Amino acid sequence: MKTVLLLLISNIFMTFAWYGHLRFKETALWKVIMISWLIAFFEYCFQVPANRIGHGQFTAFQLKTIQEVITLVVFIAFSVLYLREEVKWNYIVGFILILAAVFFVFKKW
């Protein structure tokens, strides 16, 4: 659970680093790059320990899969609440297909 919590926190930071500047298109690109790098530093402060703690309990493939699902959940909330974009039916279908991938990654064969 600690790994998932750390990955959740890191993905919140990274989502803001990658997409938060979209509301500030009038700001110079070099400024938003610098701010994004600063935010990304804090993302790494959670991401690296999450992977270090989680590896062993999870394989690297499973850690990456968990991270991607968390990224999508965080991004959905971010895009709706922060960017004021709507979730369309085809996005939901795409995310369901990604969840199918989770099944195959975590299934014991």
PDB file of N, CA and C in Angstrom:
ATOM      1  N   MET A   1       0.829  -1.203   0.000  1.00  0.00           N
ATOM      2  CA  MET A   1       0.000   0.000   0.000  1.00  0.00           C
ATOM      3  C   MET A   1       0.870   1.263   0.000  1.00  0.00           C
ATOM      4  N   LYS A   2       2.021   1.190   0.674  1.00  0.00           N
ATOM      5  CA  LYS A   2       2.928   2.330   0.707  1.00  0.00           C
ATOM      6  C   LYS A   2       3.398   2.687  -0.704  1.00  0.00           C
ATOM      7  N   THR A   3       3.693   1.663  -1.494  1.00  0.00           N
ATOM      8  CA  THR A   3       4.135   1.877  -2.870  1.00  0.00           C
ATOM      9  C   THR A   3       3.065   2.604  -3.676  1.00  0.00           C
ATOM     10  N   VAL A   4       1.829   2.152  -3.567  1.00  0.00           N
ATOM     11  CA  VAL A   4       0.728   2.761  -4.313  1.00  0.00           C
ATOM     12  C   VAL A   4       0.522   4.204  -3.876  1.00  0.00           C
ATOM     13  N   LEU A   5       0.588   4.481  -2.586  1.00  0.00           N
ATOM     14  CA  LEU A   5       0.424   5.853  -2.086  1.00  0.00           C
ATOM     15  C   LEU A   5       1.530   6.760  -2.617  1.00  0.00           C
ATOM     16  N   LEU A   6       2.764   6.286  -2.578  1.00  0.00           N
ATOM     17  CA  LEU A   6       3.880   7.087  -3.100  1.00  0.00           C
ATOM     18  C   LEU A   6       3.737   7.316  -4.606  1.00  0.00           C
ATOM     19  N   LEU A   7       3.294   6.293  -5.326  1.00  0.00           N
ATOM     20  CA  LEU A   7       3.074   6.455  -6.770  1.00  0.00           C
ATOM     21  C   LEU A   7       1.945   7.446  -7.047  1.00  0.00           C
ATOM     22  N   LEU A   8       0.919   7.421  -6.230  1.00  0.00           N
ATOM     23  CA  LEU A   8      -0.183   8.376  -6.381  1.00  0.00           C
ATOM     24  C   LEU A   8       0.320   9.806  -6.207  1.00  0.00           C
ATOM     25  N   ILE A   9       1.074  10.045  -5.154  1.00  0.00           N
ATOM     26  CA  ILE A   9       1.610  11.387  -4.897  1.00  0.00           C
ATOM     27  C   ILE A   9       2.537  11.815  -6.031  1.00  0.00           C
ATOM     28  N   SER A  10       3.408  10.910  -6.466  1.00  0.00           N
ATOM     29  CA  SER A  10       4.344  11.272  -7.541  1.00  0.00           C
ATOM     30  C   SER A  10       3.605  11.608  -8.830  1.00  0.00           C
ATOM     31  N   ASN A  11       2.527  10.893  -9.106  1.00  0.00           N
ATOM     32  CA  ASN A  11       1.769  11.154 -10.332  1.00  0.00           C
ATOM     33  C   ASN A  11       0.998  12.464 -10.275  1.00  0.00           C
ATOM     34  N   ILE A  12       0.582  12.868  -9.108  1.00  0.00           N
ATOM     35  CA  ILE A  12      -0.055  14.186  -8.981  1.00  0.00           C
ATOM     36  C   ILE A  12       0.950  15.269  -9.347  1.00  0.00           C
ATOM     37  N   PHE A  13       2.163  15.163  -8.807  1.00  0.00           N
ATOM     38  CA  PHE A  13       3.200  16.133  -9.157  1.00  0.00           C
ATOM     39  C   PHE A  13       3.505  16.101 -10.652  1.00  0.00           C
ATOM     40  N   MET A  14       3.658  14.903 -11.213  1.00  0.00           N
ATOM     41  CA  MET A  14       4.053  14.810 -12.613  1.00  0.00           C
ATOM     42  C   MET A  14       2.957  15.303 -13.544  1.00  0.00           C
ATOM     43  N   THR A  15       1.719  15.066 -13.193  1.00  0.00           N
ATOM     44  CA  THR A  15       0.627  15.561 -14.034  1.00  0.00           C
ATOM     45  C   THR A  15       0.654  17.085 -14.087  1.00  0.00           C
ATOM     46  N   PHE A  16       0.890  17.720 -12.943  1.00  0.00           N
ATOM     47  CA  PHE A  16       1.001  19.184 -12.944  1.00  0.00           C
ATOM     48  C   PHE A  16       2.245  19.641 -13.698  1.00  0.00           C
ATOM     49  N   ALA A  17       3.337  18.900 -13.586  1.00  0.00           N
ATOM     50  CA  ALA A  17       4.562  19.273 -14.304  1.00  0.00           C
ATOM     51  C   ALA A  17       4.355  19.193 -15.817  1.00  0.00           C
ATOM     52  N   TRP A  18       3.654  18.167 -16.268  1.00  0.00           N
ATOM     53  CA  TRP A  18       3.488  17.957 -17.707  1.00  0.00           C
ATOM     54  C   TRP A  18       2.350  18.762 -18.309  1.00  0.00           C
ATOM     55  N   TYR A  19       1.265  18.946 -17.557  1.00  0.00           N
ATOM     56  CA  TYR A  19       0.058  19.534 -18.141  1.00  0.00           C
ATOM     57  C   TYR A  19      -0.440  20.803 -17.452  1.00  0.00           C
ATOM     58  N   GLY A  20       0.063  21.124 -16.283  1.00  0.00           N
ATOM     59  CA  GLY A  20      -0.426  22.289 -15.545  1.00  0.00           C
ATOM     60  C   GLY A  20      -0.245  23.602 -16.280  1.00  0.00           C
ATOM     61  N   HIS A  21       0.786  23.684 -17.076  1.00  0.00           N
ATOM     62  CA  HIS A  21       1.085  24.921 -17.809  1.00  0.00           C
ATOM     63  C   HIS A  21       0.080  25.210 -18.927  1.00  0.00           C
ATOM     64  N   LEU A  22      -0.757  24.250 -19.266  1.00  0.00           N
ATOM     65  CA  LEU A  22      -1.705  24.465 -20.373  1.00  0.00           C
ATOM     66  C   LEU A  22      -2.704  25.582 -20.069  1.00  0.00           C
ATOM     67  N   ARG A  23      -2.886  25.894 -18.795  1.00  0.00           N
ATOM     68  CA  ARG A  23      -3.763  27.019 -18.433  1.00  0.00           C
ATOM     69  C   ARG A  23      -3.021  28.346 -18.481  1.00  0.00           C
ATOM     70  N   PHE A  24      -1.724  28.326 -18.751  1.00  0.00           N
ATOM     71  CA  PHE A  24      -0.914  29.552 -18.728  1.00  0.00           C
ATOM     72  C   PHE A  24      -0.156  29.692 -20.046  1.00  0.00           C
ATOM     73  N   LYS A  25      -0.885  29.651 -21.132  1.00  0.00           N
ATOM     74  CA  LYS A  25      -0.252  29.700 -22.456  1.00  0.00           C
ATOM     75  C   LYS A  25       0.388  31.046 -22.758  1.00  0.00           C
ATOM     76  N   GLU A  26       0.034  32.076 -22.007  1.00  0.00           N
ATOM     77  CA  GLU A  26       0.636  33.390 -22.221  1.00  0.00           C
ATOM     78  C   GLU A  26       2.013  33.504 -21.561  1.00  0.00           C
ATOM     79  N   THR A  27       2.339  32.567 -20.668  1.00  0.00           N
ATOM     80  CA  THR A  27       3.634  32.570 -19.998  1.00  0.00           C
ATOM     81  C   THR A  27       4.700  32.040 -20.953  1.00  0.00           C
ATOM     82  N   ALA A  28       5.862  32.646 -20.906  1.00  0.00           N
ATOM     83  CA  ALA A  28       6.956  32.248 -21.795  1.00  0.00           C
ATOM     84  C   ALA A  28       7.277  30.764 -21.612  1.00  0.00           C
ATOM     85  N   LEU A  29       7.550  30.108 -22.717  1.00  0.00           N
ATOM     86  CA  LEU A  29       7.807  28.674 -22.699  1.00  0.00           C
ATOM     87  C   LEU A  29       8.977  28.313 -21.790  1.00  0.00           C
ATOM     88  N   TRP A  30      10.050  29.089 -21.820  1.00  0.00           N
ATOM     89  CA  TRP A  30      11.205  28.778 -20.991  1.00  0.00           C
ATOM     90  C   TRP A  30      10.847  28.814 -19.509  1.00  0.00           C
ATOM     91  N   LYS A  31       9.922  29.705 -19.126  1.00  0.00           N
ATOM     92  CA  LYS A  31       9.501  29.782 -17.722  1.00  0.00           C
ATOM     93  C   LYS A  31       8.718  28.539 -17.312  1.00  0.00           C
ATOM     94  N   VAL A  32       7.790  28.115 -18.167  1.00  0.00           N
ATOM     95  CA  VAL A  32       7.006  26.932 -17.796  1.00  0.00           C
ATOM     96  C   VAL A  32       7.874  25.674 -17.812  1.00  0.00           C
ATOM     97  N   ILE A  33       8.898  25.642 -18.658  1.00  0.00           N
ATOM     98  CA  ILE A  33       9.830  24.509 -18.641  1.00  0.00           C
ATOM     99  C   ILE A  33      10.565  24.467 -17.312  1.00  0.00           C
ATOM    100  N   MET A  34      11.055  25.599 -16.866  1.00  0.00           N
ATOM    101  CA  MET A  34      11.778  25.646 -15.589  1.00  0.00           C
ATOM    102  C   MET A  34      10.868  25.258 -14.416  1.00  0.00           C
ATOM    103  N   ILE A  35       9.661  25.775 -14.406  1.00  0.00           N
ATOM    104  CA  ILE A  35       8.712  25.440 -13.350  1.00  0.00           C
ATOM    105  C   ILE A  35       8.361  23.954 -13.405  1.00  0.00           C
ATOM    106  N   SER A  36       8.174  23.426 -14.603  1.00  0.00           N
ATOM    107  CA  SER A  36       7.871  22.003 -14.758  1.00  0.00           C
ATOM    108  C   SER A  36       9.009  21.133 -14.234  1.00  0.00           C
ATOM    109  N   TRP A  37      10.230  21.532 -14.496  1.00  0.00           N
ATOM    110  CA  TRP A  37      11.382  20.776 -13.981  1.00  0.00           C
ATOM    111  C   TRP A  37      11.415  20.817 -12.454  1.00  0.00           C
ATOM    112  N   LEU A  38      11.086  21.948 -11.879  1.00  0.00           N
ATOM    113  CA  LEU A  38      11.054  22.061 -10.421  1.00  0.00           C
ATOM    114  C   LEU A  38       9.985  21.135  -9.831  1.00  0.00           C
ATOM    115  N   ILE A  39       8.810  21.127 -10.442  1.00  0.00           N
ATOM    116  CA  ILE A  39       7.733  20.244  -9.976  1.00  0.00           C
ATOM    117  C   ILE A  39       8.145  18.784 -10.160  1.00  0.00           C
ATOM    118  N   ALA A  40       8.787  18.470 -11.283  1.00  0.00           N
ATOM    119  CA  ALA A  40       9.207  17.096 -11.562  1.00  0.00           C
ATOM    120  C   ALA A  40      10.223  16.595 -10.539  1.00  0.00           C
ATOM    121  N   PHE A  41      11.028  17.502  -9.986  1.00  0.00           N
ATOM    122  CA  PHE A  41      11.970  17.093  -8.931  1.00  0.00           C
ATOM    123  C   PHE A  41      11.219  16.448  -7.773  1.00  0.00           C
ATOM    124  N   PHE A  42      10.111  17.059  -7.376  1.00  0.00           N
ATOM    125  CA  PHE A  42       9.332  16.515  -6.265  1.00  0.00           C
ATOM    126  C   PHE A  42       8.660  15.194  -6.663  1.00  0.00           C
ATOM    127  N   GLU A  43       8.300  15.076  -7.932  1.00  0.00           N
ATOM    128  CA  GLU A  43       7.749  13.808  -8.426  1.00  0.00           C
ATOM    129  C   GLU A  43       8.765  12.690  -8.222  1.00  0.00           C
ATOM    130  N   TYR A  44      10.007  12.949  -8.562  1.00  0.00           N
ATOM    131  CA  TYR A  44      11.050  11.941  -8.403  1.00  0.00           C
ATOM    132  C   TYR A  44      11.290  11.594  -6.938  1.00  0.00           C
ATOM    133  N   CYS A  45      11.093  12.549  -6.059  1.00  0.00           N
ATOM    134  CA  CYS A  45      11.278  12.296  -4.623  1.00  0.00           C
ATOM    135  C   CYS A  45      10.276  11.273  -4.095  1.00  0.00           C
ATOM    136  N   PHE A  46       9.188  11.058  -4.798  1.00  0.00           N
ATOM    137  CA  PHE A  46       8.204  10.044  -4.423  1.00  0.00           C
ATOM    138  C   PHE A  46       8.285   8.812  -5.331  1.00  0.00           C
ATOM    139  N   GLN A  47       8.557   9.021  -6.610  1.00  0.00           N
ATOM    140  CA  GLN A  47       8.586   7.922  -7.581  1.00  0.00           C
ATOM    141  C   GLN A  47       9.719   6.944  -7.291  1.00  0.00           C
ATOM    142  N   VAL A  48      10.906   7.453  -7.066  1.00  0.00           N
ATOM    143  CA  VAL A  48      12.063   6.579  -6.859  1.00  0.00           C
ATOM    144  C   VAL A  48      11.887   5.724  -5.603  1.00  0.00           C
ATOM    145  N   PRO A  49      11.513   6.306  -4.457  1.00  0.00           N
ATOM    146  CA  PRO A  49      11.272   5.445  -3.288  1.00  0.00           C
ATOM    147  C   PRO A  49      10.131   4.446  -3.502  1.00  0.00           C
ATOM    148  N   ALA A  50       9.099   4.853  -4.220  1.00  0.00           N
ATOM    149  CA  ALA A  50       7.985   3.934  -4.494  1.00  0.00           C
ATOM    150  C   ALA A  50       8.484   2.694  -5.227  1.00  0.00           C
ATOM    151  N   ASN A  51       9.290   2.910  -6.248  1.00  0.00           N
ATOM    152  CA  ASN A  51       9.812   1.776  -7.010  1.00  0.00           C
ATOM    153  C   ASN A  51      10.811   0.960  -6.198  1.00  0.00           C
ATOM    154  N   ARG A  52      11.607   1.616  -5.397  1.00  0.00           N
ATOM    155  CA  ARG A  52      12.584   0.907  -4.567  1.00  0.00           C
ATOM    156  C   ARG A  52      11.880   0.042  -3.531  1.00  0.00           C
ATOM    157  N   ILE A  53      10.857   0.610  -2.884  1.00  0.00           N
ATOM    158  CA  ILE A  53      10.103  -0.128  -1.864  1.00  0.00           C
ATOM    159  C   ILE A  53       9.272  -1.243  -2.506  1.00  0.00           C
ATOM    160  N   GLY A  54       8.661  -0.949  -3.649  1.00  0.00           N
ATOM    161  CA  GLY A  54       7.748  -1.889  -4.274  1.00  0.00           C
ATOM    162  C   GLY A  54       8.404  -3.039  -5.011  1.00  0.00           C
ATOM    163  N   HIS A  55       9.651  -2.839  -5.461  1.00  0.00           N
ATOM    164  CA  HIS A  55      10.306  -3.898  -6.223  1.00  0.00           C
ATOM    165  C   HIS A  55      10.652  -5.053  -5.285  1.00  0.00           C
ATOM    166  N   GLY A  56      10.199  -6.212  -5.628  1.00  0.00           N
ATOM    167  CA  GLY A  56      10.316  -7.377  -4.748  1.00  0.00           C
ATOM    168  C   GLY A  56       8.927  -7.865  -4.401  1.00  0.00           C
ATOM    169  N   GLN A  57       8.097  -6.921  -3.968  1.00  0.00           N
ATOM    170  CA  GLN A  57       6.684  -7.238  -3.783  1.00  0.00           C
ATOM    171  C   GLN A  57       6.021  -7.325  -5.159  1.00  0.00           C
ATOM    172  N   PHE A  58       6.447  -6.447  -6.059  1.00  0.00           N
ATOM    173  CA  PHE A  58       5.964  -6.412  -7.436  1.00  0.00           C
ATOM    174  C   PHE A  58       7.160  -6.547  -8.364  1.00  0.00           C
ATOM    175  N   THR A  59       6.923  -7.067  -9.566  1.00  0.00           N
ATOM    176  CA  THR A  59       7.978  -7.052 -10.576  1.00  0.00           C
ATOM    177  C   THR A  59       8.046  -5.638 -11.162  1.00  0.00           C
ATOM    178  N   ALA A  60       9.100  -5.369 -11.901  1.00  0.00           N
ATOM    179  CA  ALA A  60       9.214  -4.057 -12.563  1.00  0.00           C
ATOM    180  C   ALA A  60       8.057  -3.848 -13.535  1.00  0.00           C
ATOM    181  N   PHE A  61       7.649  -4.903 -14.217  1.00  0.00           N
ATOM    182  CA  PHE A  61       6.508  -4.799 -15.140  1.00  0.00           C
ATOM    183  C   PHE A  61       5.222  -4.449 -14.387  1.00  0.00           C
ATOM    184  N   GLN A  62       5.032  -5.069 -13.232  1.00  0.00           N
ATOM    185  CA  GLN A  62       3.843  -4.773 -12.442  1.00  0.00           C
ATOM    186  C   GLN A  62       3.891  -3.354 -11.874  1.00  0.00           C
ATOM    187  N   LEU A  63       5.069  -2.912 -11.423  1.00  0.00           N
ATOM    188  CA  LEU A  63       5.205  -1.538 -10.929  1.00  0.00           C
ATOM    189  C   LEU A  63       4.842  -0.529 -12.015  1.00  0.00           C
ATOM    190  N   LYS A  64       5.324  -0.772 -13.219  1.00  0.00           N
ATOM    191  CA  LYS A  64       5.030   0.139 -14.328  1.00  0.00           C
ATOM    192  C   LYS A  64       3.542   0.127 -14.649  1.00  0.00           C
ATOM    193  N   THR A  65       2.918  -1.023 -14.588  1.00  0.00           N
ATOM    194  CA  THR A  65       1.486  -1.130 -14.851  1.00  0.00           C
ATOM    195  C   THR A  65       0.686  -0.377 -13.803  1.00  0.00           C
ATOM    196  N   ILE A  66       1.045  -0.543 -12.536  1.00  0.00           N
ATOM    197  CA  ILE A  66       0.380   0.193 -11.451  1.00  0.00           C
ATOM    198  C   ILE A  66       0.528   1.690 -11.678  1.00  0.00           C
ATOM    199  N   GLN A  67       1.739   2.108 -12.022  1.00  0.00           N
ATOM    200  CA  GLN A  67       2.015   3.525 -12.247  1.00  0.00           C
ATOM    201  C   GLN A  67       1.168   4.078 -13.381  1.00  0.00           C
ATOM    202  N   GLU A  68       1.008   3.321 -14.459  1.00  0.00           N
ATOM    203  CA  GLU A  68       0.222   3.801 -15.592  1.00  0.00           C
ATOM    204  C   GLU A  68      -1.256   3.929 -15.249  1.00  0.00           C
ATOM    205  N   VAL A  69      -1.786   2.980 -14.495  1.00  0.00           N
ATOM    206  CA  VAL A  69      -3.193   3.067 -14.086  1.00  0.00           C
ATOM    207  C   VAL A  69      -3.398   4.270 -13.175  1.00  0.00           C
ATOM    208  N   ILE A  70      -2.494   4.464 -12.221  1.00  0.00           N
ATOM    209  CA  ILE A  70      -2.591   5.637 -11.343  1.00  0.00           C
ATOM    210  C   ILE A  70      -2.499   6.909 -12.166  1.00  0.00           C
ATOM    211  N   THR A  71      -1.599   6.940 -13.133  1.00  0.00           N
ATOM    212  CA  THR A  71      -1.463   8.111 -13.999  1.00  0.00           C
ATOM    213  C   THR A  71      -2.774   8.437 -14.699  1.00  0.00           C
ATOM    214  N   LEU A  72      -3.442   7.429 -15.214  1.00  0.00           N
ATOM    215  CA  LEU A  72      -4.711   7.662 -15.909  1.00  0.00           C
ATOM    216  C   LEU A  72      -5.794   8.158 -14.960  1.00  0.00           C
ATOM    217  N   VAL A  73      -5.859   7.585 -13.771  1.00  0.00           N
ATOM    218  CA  VAL A  73      -6.864   8.030 -12.798  1.00  0.00           C
ATOM    219  C   VAL A  73      -6.608   9.479 -12.395  1.00  0.00           C
ATOM    220  N   VAL A  74      -5.349   9.797 -12.107  1.00  0.00           N
ATOM    221  CA  VAL A  74      -4.991  11.170 -11.741  1.00  0.00           C
ATOM    222  C   VAL A  74      -5.274  12.106 -12.911  1.00  0.00           C
ATOM    223  N   PHE A  75      -4.921  11.669 -14.124  1.00  0.00           N
ATOM    224  CA  PHE A  75      -5.122  12.524 -15.289  1.00  0.00           C
ATOM    225  C   PHE A  75      -6.596  12.797 -15.561  1.00  0.00           C
ATOM    226  N   ILE A  76      -7.436  11.798 -15.383  1.00  0.00           N
ATOM    227  CA  ILE A  76      -8.877  12.018 -15.575  1.00  0.00           C
ATOM    228  C   ILE A  76      -9.365  13.098 -14.623  1.00  0.00           C
ATOM    229  N   ALA A  77      -9.025  12.969 -13.347  1.00  0.00           N
ATOM    230  CA  ALA A  77      -9.439  13.977 -12.361  1.00  0.00           C
ATOM    231  C   ALA A  77      -8.862  15.347 -12.720  1.00  0.00           C
ATOM    232  N   PHE A  78      -7.590  15.382 -13.082  1.00  0.00           N
ATOM    233  CA  PHE A  78      -6.912  16.630 -13.424  1.00  0.00           C
ATOM    234  C   PHE A  78      -7.569  17.304 -14.632  1.00  0.00           C
ATOM    235  N   SER A  79      -7.810  16.529 -15.685  1.00  0.00           N
ATOM    236  CA  SER A  79      -8.348  17.126 -16.902  1.00  0.00           C
ATOM    237  C   SER A  79      -9.774  17.632 -16.707  1.00  0.00           C
ATOM    238  N   VAL A  80     -10.550  16.943 -15.874  1.00  0.00           N
ATOM    239  CA  VAL A  80     -11.923  17.382 -15.614  1.00  0.00           C
ATOM    240  C   VAL A  80     -11.943  18.566 -14.652  1.00  0.00           C
ATOM    241  N   LEU A  81     -11.218  18.462 -13.547  1.00  0.00           N
ATOM    242  CA  LEU A  81     -11.292  19.486 -12.502  1.00  0.00           C
ATOM    243  C   LEU A  81     -10.424  20.712 -12.788  1.00  0.00           C
ATOM    244  N   TYR A  82      -9.240  20.515 -13.343  1.00  0.00           N
ATOM    245  CA  TYR A  82      -8.299  21.616 -13.538  1.00  0.00           C
ATOM    246  C   TYR A  82      -8.393  22.228 -14.938  1.00  0.00           C
ATOM    247  N   LEU A  83      -8.430  21.371 -15.955  1.00  0.00           N
ATOM    248  CA  LEU A  83      -8.481  21.868 -17.325  1.00  0.00           C
ATOM    249  C   LEU A  83      -9.907  22.057 -17.837  1.00  0.00           C
ATOM    250  N   ARG A  84     -10.882  21.569 -17.080  1.00  0.00           N
ATOM    251  CA  ARG A  84     -12.304  21.699 -17.428  1.00  0.00           C
ATOM    252  C   ARG A  84     -12.636  21.021 -18.761  1.00  0.00           C
ATOM    253  N   GLU A  85     -12.031  19.870 -19.000  1.00  0.00           N
ATOM    254  CA  GLU A  85     -12.327  19.094 -20.197  1.00  0.00           C
ATOM    255  C   GLU A  85     -13.302  17.979 -19.837  1.00  0.00           C
ATOM    256  N   GLU A  86     -14.078  17.547 -20.811  1.00  0.00           N
ATOM    257  CA  GLU A  86     -15.041  16.486 -20.533  1.00  0.00           C
ATOM    258  C   GLU A  86     -14.467  15.122 -20.908  1.00  0.00           C
ATOM    259  N   VAL A  87     -14.929  14.113 -20.191  1.00  0.00           N
ATOM    260  CA  VAL A  87     -14.541  12.745 -20.492  1.00  0.00           C
ATOM    261  C   VAL A  87     -15.538  12.207 -21.516  1.00  0.00           C
ATOM    262  N   LYS A  88     -15.043  11.779 -22.646  1.00  0.00           N
ATOM    263  CA  LYS A  88     -15.904  11.271 -23.711  1.00  0.00           C
ATOM    264  C   LYS A  88     -15.956   9.744 -23.654  1.00  0.00           C
ATOM    265  N   TRP A  89     -16.955   9.171 -24.298  1.00  0.00           N
ATOM    266  CA  TRP A  89     -17.164   7.732 -24.240  1.00  0.00           C
ATOM    267  C   TRP A  89     -15.971   6.953 -24.780  1.00  0.00           C
ATOM    268  N   ASN A  90     -15.336   7.461 -25.822  1.00  0.00           N
ATOM    269  CA  ASN A  90     -14.213   6.733 -26.407  1.00  0.00           C
ATOM    270  C   ASN A  90     -12.995   6.725 -25.485  1.00  0.00           C
ATOM    271  N   TYR A  91     -12.844   7.764 -24.654  1.00  0.00           N
ATOM    272  CA  TYR A  91     -11.770   7.762 -23.656  1.00  0.00           C
ATOM    273  C   TYR A  91     -12.013   6.650 -22.650  1.00  0.00           C
ATOM    274  N   ILE A  92     -13.251   6.517 -22.222  1.00  0.00           N
ATOM    275  CA  ILE A  92     -13.604   5.485 -21.250  1.00  0.00           C
ATOM    276  C   ILE A  92     -13.343   4.094 -21.823  1.00  0.00           C
ATOM    277  N   VAL A  93     -13.717   3.881 -23.085  1.00  0.00           N
ATOM    278  CA  VAL A  93     -13.457   2.590 -23.730  1.00  0.00           C
ATOM    279  C   VAL A  93     -11.956   2.313 -23.769  1.00  0.00           C
ATOM    280  N   GLY A  94     -11.181   3.313 -24.121  1.00  0.00           N
ATOM    281  CA  GLY A  94      -9.726   3.152 -24.150  1.00  0.00           C
ATOM    282  C   GLY A  94      -9.169   2.798 -22.787  1.00  0.00           C
ATOM    283  N   PHE A  95      -9.654   3.456 -21.745  1.00  0.00           N
ATOM    284  CA  PHE A  95      -9.182   3.171 -20.391  1.00  0.00           C
ATOM    285  C   PHE A  95      -9.605   1.774 -19.942  1.00  0.00           C
ATOM    286  N   ILE A  96     -10.776   1.319 -20.356  1.00  0.00           N
ATOM    287  CA  ILE A  96     -11.215  -0.043 -20.033  1.00  0.00           C
ATOM    288  C   ILE A  96     -10.278  -1.063 -20.686  1.00  0.00           C
ATOM    289  N   LEU A  97      -9.851  -0.784 -21.897  1.00  0.00           N
ATOM    290  CA  LEU A  97      -8.908  -1.684 -22.564  1.00  0.00           C
ATOM    291  C   LEU A  97      -7.562  -1.712 -21.832  1.00  0.00           C
ATOM    292  N   ILE A  98      -7.165  -0.574 -21.306  1.00  0.00           N
ATOM    293  CA  ILE A  98      -5.932  -0.542 -20.513  1.00  0.00           C
ATOM    294  C   ILE A  98      -6.105  -1.369 -19.245  1.00  0.00           C
ATOM    295  N   LEU A  99      -7.279  -1.312 -18.632  1.00  0.00           N
ATOM    296  CA  LEU A  99      -7.544  -2.145 -17.457  1.00  0.00           C
ATOM    297  C   LEU A  99      -7.505  -3.628 -17.813  1.00  0.00           C
ATOM    298  N   ALA A 100      -7.894  -3.969 -19.025  1.00  0.00           N
ATOM    299  CA  ALA A 100      -7.762  -5.354 -19.471  1.00  0.00           C
ATOM    300  C   ALA A 100      -6.287  -5.749 -19.500  1.00  0.00           C
ATOM    301  N   ALA A 101      -5.429  -4.832 -19.885  1.00  0.00           N
ATOM    302  CA  ALA A 101      -3.990  -5.092 -19.874  1.00  0.00           C
ATOM    303  C   ALA A 101      -3.507  -5.365 -18.451  1.00  0.00           C
ATOM    304  N   VAL A 102      -4.054  -4.645 -17.484  1.00  0.00           N
ATOM    305  CA  VAL A 102      -3.702  -4.869 -16.078  1.00  0.00           C
ATOM    306  C   VAL A 102      -4.013  -6.313 -15.687  1.00  0.00           C
ATOM    307  N   PHE A 103      -5.164  -6.799 -16.116  1.00  0.00           N
ATOM    308  CA  PHE A 103      -5.535  -8.178 -15.831  1.00  0.00           C
ATOM    309  C   PHE A 103      -4.455  -9.136 -16.319  1.00  0.00           C
ATOM    310  N   PHE A 104      -4.005  -8.953 -17.556  1.00  0.00           N
ATOM    311  CA  PHE A 104      -3.023  -9.864 -18.125  1.00  0.00           C
ATOM    312  C   PHE A 104      -1.660  -9.746 -17.448  1.00  0.00           C
ATOM    313  N   VAL A 105      -1.304  -8.544 -17.010  1.00  0.00           N
ATOM    314  CA  VAL A 105      -0.014  -8.363 -16.338  1.00  0.00           C
ATOM    315  C   VAL A 105      -0.010  -9.029 -14.961  1.00  0.00           C
ATOM    316  N   PHE A 106      -1.126  -8.942 -14.235  1.00  0.00           N
ATOM    317  CA  PHE A 106      -1.162  -9.447 -12.867  1.00  0.00           C
ATOM    318  C   PHE A 106      -1.686 -10.881 -12.748  1.00  0.00           C
ATOM    319  N   LYS A 107      -2.253 -11.426 -13.786  1.00  0.00           N
ATOM    320  CA  LYS A 107      -2.772 -12.804 -13.751  1.00  0.00           C
ATOM    321  C   LYS A 107      -1.623 -13.791 -13.619  1.00  0.00           C
ATOM    322  N   LYS A 108      -1.759 -14.724 -12.709  1.00  0.00           N
ATOM    323  CA  LYS A 108      -0.762 -15.793 -12.561  1.00  0.00           C
ATOM    324  C   LYS A 108      -1.030 -16.855 -13.606  1.00  0.00           C
ATOM    325  N   TRP A 109      -0.145 -17.007 -14.556  1.00  0.00           N
ATOM    326  CA  TRP A 109      -0.356 -17.957 -15.656  1.00  0.00           C
ATOM    327  C   TRP A 109       0.403 -19.231 -15.379  1.00  0.00           C
TER     328      TRP A 109
END
